[in-house]
Amino acid sequence: DVRIVDNLSKRRDVTVPEGVDYVEGDVADRETCARVF
């Protein structure tokens, strides 16, 4: 089971694979980290 966290600073045309838990956010943000970990 895979979760992705990415702020999309490099890309906007992202296709998230089926079955992945995707979170748009920045790992520099404490609240995002608390949620995704």
PDB file of all heavy atoms in Angstrom:
ATOM      1  N   ASP A   1       0.870  -1.168   0.000  1.00  0.00           N
ATOM      2  CA  ASP A   1       0.000   0.000   0.000  1.00  0.00           C
ATOM      3  C   ASP A   1       0.908   1.218   0.000  1.00  0.00           C
ATOM      4  O   ASP A   1       1.878   1.279   0.769  1.00  0.00           O
ATOM      5  CB  ASP A   1      -0.885   0.029   1.249  1.00  0.00           C
ATOM      6  CG  ASP A   1      -1.904  -1.102   1.253  1.00  0.00           C
ATOM      7  OD1 ASP A   1      -2.393  -1.462   0.157  1.00  0.00           O
ATOM      8  OD2 ASP A   1      -2.200  -1.612   2.336  1.00  0.00           O
ATOM      9  N   VAL A   2       0.599   2.192  -0.863  1.00  0.00           N
ATOM     10  CA  VAL A   2       1.489   3.334  -1.040  1.00  0.00           C
ATOM     11  C   VAL A   2       0.726   4.636  -0.863  1.00  0.00           C
ATOM     12  O   VAL A   2      -0.385   4.792  -1.359  1.00  0.00           O
ATOM     13  CB  VAL A   2       2.145   3.314  -2.447  1.00  0.00           C
ATOM     14  CG1 VAL A   2       3.065   4.510  -2.630  1.00  0.00           C
ATOM     15  CG2 VAL A   2       2.908   2.015  -2.675  1.00  0.00           C
ATOM     16  N   ARG A   3       1.379   5.567  -0.171  1.00  0.00           N
ATOM     17  CA  ARG A   3       0.879   6.939  -0.047  1.00  0.00           C
ATOM     18  C   ARG A   3       1.950   7.856  -0.616  1.00  0.00           C
ATOM     19  O   ARG A   3       3.134   7.667  -0.390  1.00  0.00           O
ATOM     20  CB  ARG A   3       0.636   7.287   1.417  1.00  0.00           C
ATOM     21  CG  ARG A   3       0.145   8.696   1.656  1.00  0.00           C
ATOM     22  CD  ARG A   3      -0.139   8.948   3.133  1.00  0.00           C
ATOM     23  NE  ARG A   3      -1.198   8.058   3.581  1.00  0.00           N
ATOM     24  CZ  ARG A   3      -1.219   7.463   4.781  1.00  0.00           C
ATOM     25  NH1 ARG A   3      -0.252   7.661   5.659  1.00  0.00           N
ATOM     26  NH2 ARG A   3      -2.208   6.653   5.104  1.00  0.00           N
ATOM     27  N   ILE A   4       1.500   8.843  -1.389  1.00  0.00           N
ATOM     28  CA  ILE A   4       2.392   9.846  -1.964  1.00  0.00           C
ATOM     29  C   ILE A   4       2.073  11.187  -1.319  1.00  0.00           C
ATOM     30  O   ILE A   4       0.904  11.540  -1.168  1.00  0.00           O
ATOM     31  CB  ILE A   4       2.168   9.988  -3.486  1.00  0.00           C
ATOM     32  CG1 ILE A   4       2.595   8.725  -4.234  1.00  0.00           C
ATOM     33  CG2 ILE A   4       2.915  11.201  -4.033  1.00  0.00           C
ATOM     34  CD1 ILE A   4       2.210   8.752  -5.700  1.00  0.00           C
ATOM     35  N   VAL A   5       3.113  11.940  -0.992  1.00  0.00           N
ATOM     36  CA  VAL A   5       2.938  13.352  -0.651  1.00  0.00           C
ATOM     37  C   VAL A   5       3.858  14.136  -1.582  1.00  0.00           C
ATOM     38  O   VAL A   5       5.031  13.810  -1.735  1.00  0.00           O
ATOM     39  CB  VAL A   5       3.214  13.668   0.843  1.00  0.00           C
ATOM     40  CG1 VAL A   5       4.611  13.317   1.241  1.00  0.00           C
ATOM     41  CG2 VAL A   5       2.908  15.128   1.151  1.00  0.00           C
ATOM     42  N   ASP A   6       3.271  15.112  -2.273  1.00  0.00           N
ATOM     43  CA  ASP A   6       4.033  15.902  -3.237  1.00  0.00           C
ATOM     44  C   ASP A   6       3.373  17.270  -3.342  1.00  0.00           C
ATOM     45  O   ASP A   6       2.144  17.368  -3.343  1.00  0.00           O
ATOM     46  CB  ASP A   6       4.028  15.208  -4.602  1.00  0.00           C
ATOM     47  CG  ASP A   6       5.154  15.679  -5.498  1.00  0.00           C
ATOM     48  OD1 ASP A   6       5.205  16.892  -5.794  1.00  0.00           O
ATOM     49  OD2 ASP A   6       5.974  14.844  -5.909  1.00  0.00           O
ATOM     50  N   ASN A   7       4.192  18.318  -3.429  1.00  0.00           N
ATOM     51  CA  ASN A   7       3.626  19.658  -3.555  1.00  0.00           C
ATOM     52  C   ASN A   7       3.490  20.104  -5.003  1.00  0.00           C
ATOM     53  O   ASN A   7       3.060  21.220  -5.277  1.00  0.00           O
ATOM     54  CB  ASN A   7       4.438  20.683  -2.753  1.00  0.00           C
ATOM     55  CG  ASN A   7       5.828  20.903  -3.300  1.00  0.00           C
ATOM     56  OD1 ASN A   7       6.203  20.376  -4.342  1.00  0.00           O
ATOM     57  ND2 ASN A   7       6.608  21.681  -2.582  1.00  0.00           N
ATOM     58  N   LEU A   8       3.879  19.254  -5.920  1.00  0.00           N
ATOM     59  CA  LEU A   8       3.763  19.498  -7.357  1.00  0.00           C
ATOM     60  C   LEU A   8       4.500  20.751  -7.807  1.00  0.00           C
ATOM     61  O   LEU A   8       4.110  21.397  -8.772  1.00  0.00           O
ATOM     62  CB  LEU A   8       2.286  19.577  -7.785  1.00  0.00           C
ATOM     63  CG  LEU A   8       1.445  18.342  -7.470  1.00  0.00           C
ATOM     64  CD1 LEU A   8       0.012  18.570  -7.921  1.00  0.00           C
ATOM     65  CD2 LEU A   8       2.030  17.109  -8.120  1.00  0.00           C
ATOM     66  N   SER A   9       5.591  21.097  -7.121  1.00  0.00           N
ATOM     67  CA  SER A   9       6.337  22.291  -7.500  1.00  0.00           C
ATOM     68  C   SER A   9       7.027  22.131  -8.846  1.00  0.00           C
ATOM     69  O   SER A   9       7.332  23.115  -9.507  1.00  0.00           O
ATOM     70  CB  SER A   9       7.373  22.644  -6.426  1.00  0.00           C
ATOM     71  OG  SER A   9       8.357  21.634  -6.332  1.00  0.00           O
ATOM     72  N   LYS A  10       7.278  20.918  -9.245  1.00  0.00           N
ATOM     73  CA  LYS A  10       7.954  20.667 -10.519  1.00  0.00           C
ATOM     74  C   LYS A  10       6.996  20.326 -11.658  1.00  0.00           C
ATOM     75  O   LYS A  10       7.290  20.549 -12.806  1.00  0.00           O
ATOM     76  CB  LYS A  10       8.945  19.505 -10.367  1.00  0.00           C
ATOM     77  CG  LYS A  10      10.059  19.762  -9.407  1.00  0.00           C
ATOM     78  CD  LYS A  10      11.060  20.660 -10.041  1.00  0.00           C
ATOM     79  CE  LYS A  10      12.256  20.792  -9.126  1.00  0.00           C
ATOM     80  NZ  LYS A  10      13.217  21.722  -9.630  1.00  0.00           N
ATOM     81  N   ARG A  11       5.844  19.738 -11.326  1.00  0.00           N
ATOM     82  CA  ARG A  11       4.941  19.248 -12.373  1.00  0.00           C
ATOM     83  C   ARG A  11       3.505  19.578 -12.029  1.00  0.00           C
ATOM     84  O   ARG A  11       3.123  19.609 -10.878  1.00  0.00           O
ATOM     85  CB  ARG A  11       5.057  17.729 -12.502  1.00  0.00           C
ATOM     86  CG  ARG A  11       6.421  17.273 -12.921  1.00  0.00           C
ATOM     87  CD  ARG A  11       6.431  15.786 -13.070  1.00  0.00           C
ATOM     88  NE  ARG A  11       5.421  15.390 -14.042  1.00  0.00           N
ATOM     89  CZ  ARG A  11       5.312  14.175 -14.513  1.00  0.00           C
ATOM     90  NH1 ARG A  11       6.117  13.254 -14.123  1.00  0.00           N
ATOM     91  NH2 ARG A  11       4.368  13.882 -15.375  1.00  0.00           N
ATOM     92  N   ARG A  12       2.725  19.759 -13.037  1.00  0.00           N
ATOM     93  CA  ARG A  12       1.284  19.964 -12.860  1.00  0.00           C
ATOM     94  C   ARG A  12       0.477  18.896 -13.591  1.00  0.00           C
ATOM     95  O   ARG A  12      -0.693  18.730 -13.339  1.00  0.00           O
ATOM     96  CB  ARG A  12       0.864  21.350 -13.364  1.00  0.00           C
ATOM     97  CG  ARG A  12       1.429  22.480 -12.555  1.00  0.00           C
ATOM     98  CD  ARG A  12       0.747  22.563 -11.224  1.00  0.00           C
ATOM     99  NE  ARG A  12       1.379  23.599 -10.426  1.00  0.00           N
ATOM    100  CZ  ARG A  12       1.324  23.655  -9.125  1.00  0.00           C
ATOM    101  NH1 ARG A  12       0.680  22.748  -8.449  1.00  0.00           N
ATOM    102  NH2 ARG A  12       1.921  24.611  -8.467  1.00  0.00           N
ATOM    103  N   ASP A  13       1.092  18.164 -14.492  1.00  0.00           N
ATOM    104  CA  ASP A  13       0.399  17.160 -15.304  1.00  0.00           C
ATOM    105  C   ASP A  13       0.592  15.761 -14.721  1.00  0.00           C
ATOM    106  O   ASP A  13       0.955  14.829 -15.404  1.00  0.00           O
ATOM    107  CB  ASP A  13       0.891  17.208 -16.745  1.00  0.00           C
ATOM    108  CG  ASP A  13       2.384  16.937 -16.867  1.00  0.00           C
ATOM    109  OD1 ASP A  13       3.112  17.156 -15.875  1.00  0.00           O
ATOM    110  OD2 ASP A  13       2.820  16.505 -17.939  1.00  0.00           O
ATOM    111  N   VAL A  14       0.340  15.627 -13.436  1.00  0.00           N
ATOM    112  CA  VAL A  14       0.594  14.379 -12.725  1.00  0.00           C
ATOM    113  C   VAL A  14      -0.590  13.430 -12.854  1.00  0.00           C
ATOM    114  O   VAL A  14      -1.737  13.830 -12.706  1.00  0.00           O
ATOM    115  CB  VAL A  14       0.875  14.665 -11.239  1.00  0.00           C
ATOM    116  CG1 VAL A  14       1.003  13.379 -10.459  1.00  0.00           C
ATOM    117  CG2 VAL A  14       2.121  15.508 -11.099  1.00  0.00           C
ATOM    118  N   THR A  15      -0.299  12.183 -13.148  1.00  0.00           N
ATOM    119  CA  THR A  15      -1.301  11.137 -13.125  1.00  0.00           C
ATOM    120  C   THR A  15      -0.949  10.207 -11.977  1.00  0.00           C
ATOM    121  O   THR A  15       0.079   9.535 -12.004  1.00  0.00           O
ATOM    122  CB  THR A  15      -1.313  10.338 -14.445  1.00  0.00           C
ATOM    123  OG1 THR A  15      -1.543  11.237 -15.514  1.00  0.00           O
ATOM    124  CG2 THR A  15      -2.391   9.274 -14.413  1.00  0.00           C
ATOM    125  N   VAL A  16      -1.785  10.218 -10.959  1.00  0.00           N
ATOM    126  CA  VAL A  16      -1.530   9.388  -9.785  1.00  0.00           C
ATOM    127  C   VAL A  16      -1.997   7.967 -10.089  1.00  0.00           C
ATOM    128  O   VAL A  16      -3.124   7.764 -10.538  1.00  0.00           O
ATOM    129  CB  VAL A  16      -2.274   9.952  -8.560  1.00  0.00           C
ATOM    130  CG1 VAL A  16      -2.073   9.063  -7.356  1.00  0.00           C
ATOM    131  CG2 VAL A  16      -1.790  11.371  -8.268  1.00  0.00           C
ATOM    132  N   PRO A  17      -1.141   6.979  -9.859  1.00  0.00           N
ATOM    133  CA  PRO A  17      -1.527   5.594 -10.132  1.00  0.00           C
ATOM    134  C   PRO A  17      -2.754   5.175  -9.323  1.00  0.00           C
ATOM    135  O   PRO A  17      -2.947   5.638  -8.196  1.00  0.00           O
ATOM    136  CB  PRO A  17      -0.299   4.790  -9.698  1.00  0.00           C
ATOM    137  CG  PRO A  17       0.823   5.744  -9.709  1.00  0.00           C
ATOM    138  CD  PRO A  17       0.233   7.078  -9.368  1.00  0.00           C
ATOM    139  N   GLU A  18      -3.545   4.327  -9.900  1.00  0.00           N
ATOM    140  CA  GLU A  18      -4.723   3.779  -9.226  1.00  0.00           C
ATOM    141  C   GLU A  18      -4.310   3.091  -7.934  1.00  0.00           C
ATOM    142  O   GLU A  18      -3.290   2.409  -7.869  1.00  0.00           O
ATOM    143  CB  GLU A  18      -5.399   2.769 -10.157  1.00  0.00           C
ATOM    144  CG  GLU A  18      -6.665   2.203  -9.607  1.00  0.00           C
ATOM    145  CD  GLU A  18      -7.867   2.660 -10.383  1.00  0.00           C
ATOM    146  OE1 GLU A  18      -7.733   3.342 -11.399  1.00  0.00           O
ATOM    147  OE2 GLU A  18      -8.960   2.297  -9.959  1.00  0.00           O
ATOM    148  N   GLY A  19      -5.098   3.282  -6.897  1.00  0.00           N
ATOM    149  CA  GLY A  19      -4.864   2.596  -5.635  1.00  0.00           C
ATOM    150  C   GLY A  19      -3.870   3.276  -4.714  1.00  0.00           C
ATOM    151  O   GLY A  19      -3.554   2.758  -3.654  1.00  0.00           O
ATOM    152  N   VAL A  20      -3.363   4.442  -5.113  1.00  0.00           N
ATOM    153  CA  VAL A  20      -2.410   5.179  -4.294  1.00  0.00           C
ATOM    154  C   VAL A  20      -3.149   6.241  -3.493  1.00  0.00           C
ATOM    155  O   VAL A  20      -4.037   6.914  -4.000  1.00  0.00           O
ATOM    156  CB  VAL A  20      -1.329   5.854  -5.176  1.00  0.00           C
ATOM    157  CG1 VAL A  20      -0.473   6.795  -4.374  1.00  0.00           C
ATOM    158  CG2 VAL A  20      -0.471   4.802  -5.838  1.00  0.00           C
ATOM    159  N   ASP A  21      -2.776   6.375  -2.242  1.00  0.00           N
ATOM    160  CA  ASP A  21      -3.316   7.441  -1.399  1.00  0.00           C
ATOM    161  C   ASP A  21      -2.464   8.678  -1.662  1.00  0.00           C
ATOM    162  O   ASP A  21      -1.316   8.741  -1.252  1.00  0.00           O
ATOM    163  CB  ASP A  21      -3.239   7.017   0.073  1.00  0.00           C
ATOM    164  CG  ASP A  21      -3.757   8.074   1.028  1.00  0.00           C
ATOM    165  OD1 ASP A  21      -4.451   9.010   0.582  1.00  0.00           O
ATOM    166  OD2 ASP A  21      -3.458   7.961   2.220  1.00  0.00           O
ATOM    167  N   TYR A  22      -3.018   9.656  -2.392  1.00  0.00           N
ATOM    168  CA  TYR A  22      -2.261  10.834  -2.797  1.00  0.00           C
ATOM    169  C   TYR A  22      -2.641  12.033  -1.943  1.00  0.00           C
ATOM    170  O   TYR A  22      -3.821  12.340  -1.769  1.00  0.00           O
ATOM    171  CB  TYR A  22      -2.508  11.159  -4.267  1.00  0.00           C
ATOM    172  CG  TYR A  22      -1.885  12.464  -4.672  1.00  0.00           C
ATOM    173  CD1 TYR A  22      -0.509  12.587  -4.805  1.00  0.00           C
ATOM    174  CD2 TYR A  22      -2.671  13.587  -4.891  1.00  0.00           C
ATOM    175  CE1 TYR A  22       0.077  13.785  -5.147  1.00  0.00           C
ATOM    176  CE2 TYR A  22      -2.093  14.798  -5.236  1.00  0.00           C
ATOM    177  CZ  TYR A  22      -0.723  14.876  -5.367  1.00  0.00           C
ATOM    178  OH  TYR A  22      -0.165  16.072  -5.690  1.00  0.00           O
ATOM    179  N   VAL A  23      -1.631  12.716  -1.417  1.00  0.00           N
ATOM    180  CA  VAL A  23      -1.839  13.931  -0.637  1.00  0.00           C
ATOM    181  C   VAL A  23      -1.012  15.033  -1.279  1.00  0.00           C
ATOM    182  O   VAL A  23       0.209  14.902  -1.406  1.00  0.00           O
ATOM    183  CB  VAL A  23      -1.406  13.747   0.831  1.00  0.00           C
ATOM    184  CG1 VAL A  23      -1.553  15.049   1.609  1.00  0.00           C
ATOM    185  CG2 VAL A  23      -2.191  12.626   1.489  1.00  0.00           C
ATOM    186  N   GLU A  24      -1.672  16.114  -1.701  1.00  0.00           N
ATOM    187  CA  GLU A  24      -0.922  17.262  -2.207  1.00  0.00           C
ATOM    188  C   GLU A  24      -0.531  18.109  -1.011  1.00  0.00           C
ATOM    189  O   GLU A  24      -1.384  18.599  -0.269  1.00  0.00           O
ATOM    190  CB  GLU A  24      -1.739  18.088  -3.188  1.00  0.00           C
ATOM    191  CG  GLU A  24      -0.933  19.217  -3.779  1.00  0.00           C
ATOM    192  CD  GLU A  24      -1.652  19.979  -4.879  1.00  0.00           C
ATOM    193  OE1 GLU A  24      -2.708  19.524  -5.342  1.00  0.00           O
ATOM    194  OE2 GLU A  24      -1.134  21.043  -5.258  1.00  0.00           O
ATOM    195  N   GLY A  25       0.765  18.245  -0.793  1.00  0.00           N
ATOM    196  CA  GLY A  25       1.252  19.004   0.341  1.00  0.00           C
ATOM    197  C   GLY A  25       2.761  19.067   0.331  1.00  0.00           C
ATOM    198  O   GLY A  25       3.423  18.447  -0.503  1.00  0.00           O
ATOM    199  N   ASP A  26       3.291  19.830   1.280  1.00  0.00           N
ATOM    200  CA  ASP A  26       4.723  20.065   1.361  1.00  0.00           C
ATOM    201  C   ASP A  26       5.270  19.414   2.628  1.00  0.00           C
ATOM    202  O   ASP A  26       4.712  19.611   3.712  1.00  0.00           O
ATOM    203  CB  ASP A  26       4.972  21.571   1.389  1.00  0.00           C
ATOM    204  CG  ASP A  26       6.407  21.939   1.105  1.00  0.00           C
ATOM    205  OD1 ASP A  26       7.306  21.281   1.679  1.00  0.00           O
ATOM    206  OD2 ASP A  26       6.633  22.861   0.313  1.00  0.00           O
ATOM    207  N   VAL A  27       6.363  18.670   2.504  1.00  0.00           N
ATOM    208  CA  VAL A  27       6.944  18.009   3.672  1.00  0.00           C
ATOM    209  C   VAL A  27       7.567  19.012   4.640  1.00  0.00           C
ATOM    210  O   VAL A  27       7.929  18.646   5.755  1.00  0.00           O
ATOM    211  CB  VAL A  27       7.963  16.919   3.288  1.00  0.00           C
ATOM    212  CG1 VAL A  27       7.289  15.786   2.549  1.00  0.00           C
ATOM    213  CG2 VAL A  27       9.121  17.493   2.498  1.00  0.00           C
ATOM    214  N   ALA A  28       7.679  20.262   4.242  1.00  0.00           N
ATOM    215  CA  ALA A  28       8.171  21.302   5.150  1.00  0.00           C
ATOM    216  C   ALA A  28       7.064  21.804   6.077  1.00  0.00           C
ATOM    217  O   ALA A  28       7.334  22.558   6.999  1.00  0.00           O
ATOM    218  CB  ALA A  28       8.753  22.470   4.346  1.00  0.00           C
ATOM    219  N   ASP A  29       5.841  21.360   5.841  1.00  0.00           N
ATOM    220  CA  ASP A  29       4.693  21.771   6.652  1.00  0.00           C
ATOM    221  C   ASP A  29       4.413  20.711   7.719  1.00  0.00           C
ATOM    222  O   ASP A  29       4.164  19.547   7.400  1.00  0.00           O
ATOM    223  CB  ASP A  29       3.472  21.954   5.737  1.00  0.00           C
ATOM    224  CG  ASP A  29       2.231  22.334   6.505  1.00  0.00           C
ATOM    225  OD1 ASP A  29       2.211  23.438   7.084  1.00  0.00           O
ATOM    226  OD2 ASP A  29       1.295  21.504   6.541  1.00  0.00           O
ATOM    227  N   ARG A  30       4.443  21.113   8.979  1.00  0.00           N
ATOM    228  CA  ARG A  30       4.255  20.160  10.089  1.00  0.00           C
ATOM    229  C   ARG A  30       2.909  19.460  10.047  1.00  0.00           C
ATOM    230  O   ARG A  30       2.829  18.259  10.327  1.00  0.00           O
ATOM    231  CB  ARG A  30       4.391  20.878  11.430  1.00  0.00           C
ATOM    232  CG  ARG A  30       5.784  21.255  11.786  1.00  0.00           C
ATOM    233  CD  ARG A  30       5.789  21.969  13.126  1.00  0.00           C
ATOM    234  NE  ARG A  30       7.053  22.610  13.357  1.00  0.00           N
ATOM    235  CZ  ARG A  30       7.855  22.286  14.343  1.00  0.00           C
ATOM    236  NH1 ARG A  30       7.522  21.339  15.192  1.00  0.00           N
ATOM    237  NH2 ARG A  30       9.001  22.913  14.492  1.00  0.00           N
ATOM    238  N   GLU A  31       1.854  20.181   9.739  1.00  0.00           N
ATOM    239  CA  GLU A  31       0.516  19.575   9.707  1.00  0.00           C
ATOM    240  C   GLU A  31       0.415  18.520   8.609  1.00  0.00           C
ATOM    241  O   GLU A  31      -0.186  17.469   8.815  1.00  0.00           O
ATOM    242  CB  GLU A  31      -0.545  20.650   9.533  1.00  0.00           C
ATOM    243  CG  GLU A  31      -0.682  21.554  10.742  1.00  0.00           C
ATOM    244  CD  GLU A  31      -1.659  22.687  10.528  1.00  0.00           C
ATOM    245  OE1 GLU A  31      -2.436  22.651   9.551  1.00  0.00           O
ATOM    246  OE2 GLU A  31      -1.650  23.617  11.348  1.00  0.00           O
ATOM    247  N   THR A  32       1.004  18.806   7.468  1.00  0.00           N
ATOM    248  CA  THR A  32       1.013  17.819   6.383  1.00  0.00           C
ATOM    249  C   THR A  32       1.757  16.559   6.822  1.00  0.00           C
ATOM    250  O   THR A  32       1.269  15.445   6.624  1.00  0.00           O
ATOM    251  CB  THR A  32       1.663  18.397   5.116  1.00  0.00           C
ATOM    252  OG1 THR A  32       0.909  19.527   4.678  1.00  0.00           O
ATOM    253  CG2 THR A  32       1.736  17.366   4.006  1.00  0.00           C
ATOM    254  N   CYS A  33       2.914  16.741   7.430  1.00  0.00           N
ATOM    255  CA  CYS A  33       3.698  15.583   7.886  1.00  0.00           C
ATOM    256  C   CYS A  33       2.946  14.770   8.931  1.00  0.00           C
ATOM    257  O   CYS A  33       2.937  13.539   8.867  1.00  0.00           O
ATOM    258  CB  CYS A  33       5.045  16.031   8.441  1.00  0.00           C
ATOM    259  SG  CYS A  33       6.200  16.505   7.154  1.00  0.00           S
ATOM    260  N   ALA A  34       2.312  15.444   9.865  1.00  0.00           N
ATOM    261  CA  ALA A  34       1.550  14.730  10.892  1.00  0.00           C
ATOM    262  C   ALA A  34       0.448  13.888  10.257  1.00  0.00           C
ATOM    263  O   ALA A  34       0.180  12.767  10.689  1.00  0.00           O
ATOM    264  CB  ALA A  34       0.959  15.717  11.888  1.00  0.00           C
ATOM    265  N   ARG A  35      -0.173  14.417   9.216  1.00  0.00           N
ATOM    266  CA  ARG A  35      -1.270  13.701   8.544  1.00  0.00           C
ATOM    267  C   ARG A  35      -0.767  12.531   7.706  1.00  0.00           C
ATOM    268  O   ARG A  35      -1.321  11.438   7.760  1.00  0.00           O
ATOM    269  CB  ARG A  35      -2.047  14.691   7.672  1.00  0.00           C
ATOM    270  CG  ARG A  35      -3.322  14.120   7.118  1.00  0.00           C
ATOM    271  CD  ARG A  35      -4.141  15.174   6.418  1.00  0.00           C
ATOM    272  NE  ARG A  35      -3.578  15.433   5.108  1.00  0.00           N
ATOM    273  CZ  ARG A  35      -3.356  16.640   4.603  1.00  0.00           C
ATOM    274  NH1 ARG A  35      -3.642  17.715   5.293  1.00  0.00           N
ATOM    275  NH2 ARG A  35      -2.852  16.787   3.407  1.00  0.00           N
ATOM    276  N   VAL A  36       0.310  12.728   6.937  1.00  0.00           N
ATOM    277  CA  VAL A  36       0.726  11.684   5.992  1.00  0.00           C
ATOM    278  C   VAL A  36       1.519  10.556   6.631  1.00  0.00           C
ATOM    279  O   VAL A  36       1.587   9.465   6.076  1.00  0.00           O
ATOM    280  CB  VAL A  36       1.512  12.255   4.788  1.00  0.00           C
ATOM    281  CG1 VAL A  36       0.673  13.232   4.015  1.00  0.00           C
ATOM    282  CG2 VAL A  36       2.828  12.843   5.202  1.00  0.00           C
ATOM    283  N   PHE A  37       2.113  10.793   7.793  1.00  0.00           N
ATOM    284  CA  PHE A  37       2.908   9.742   8.423  1.00  0.00           C
ATOM    285  C   PHE A  37       2.075   8.784   9.267  1.00  0.00           C
ATOM    286  O   PHE A  37       2.611   7.814   9.792  1.00  0.00           O
ATOM    287  CB  PHE A  37       4.038  10.344   9.266  1.00  0.00           C
ATOM    288  CG  PHE A  37       5.270  10.623   8.452  1.00  0.00           C
ATOM    289  CD1 PHE A  37       5.488  11.882   7.925  1.00  0.00           C
ATOM    290  CD2 PHE A  37       6.194   9.631   8.199  1.00  0.00           C
ATOM    291  CE1 PHE A  37       6.613  12.148   7.160  1.00  0.00           C
ATOM    292  CE2 PHE A  37       7.321   9.882   7.436  1.00  0.00           C
ATOM    293  CZ  PHE A  37       7.527  11.147   6.920  1.00  0.00           C
TER     294      PHE A  37
END
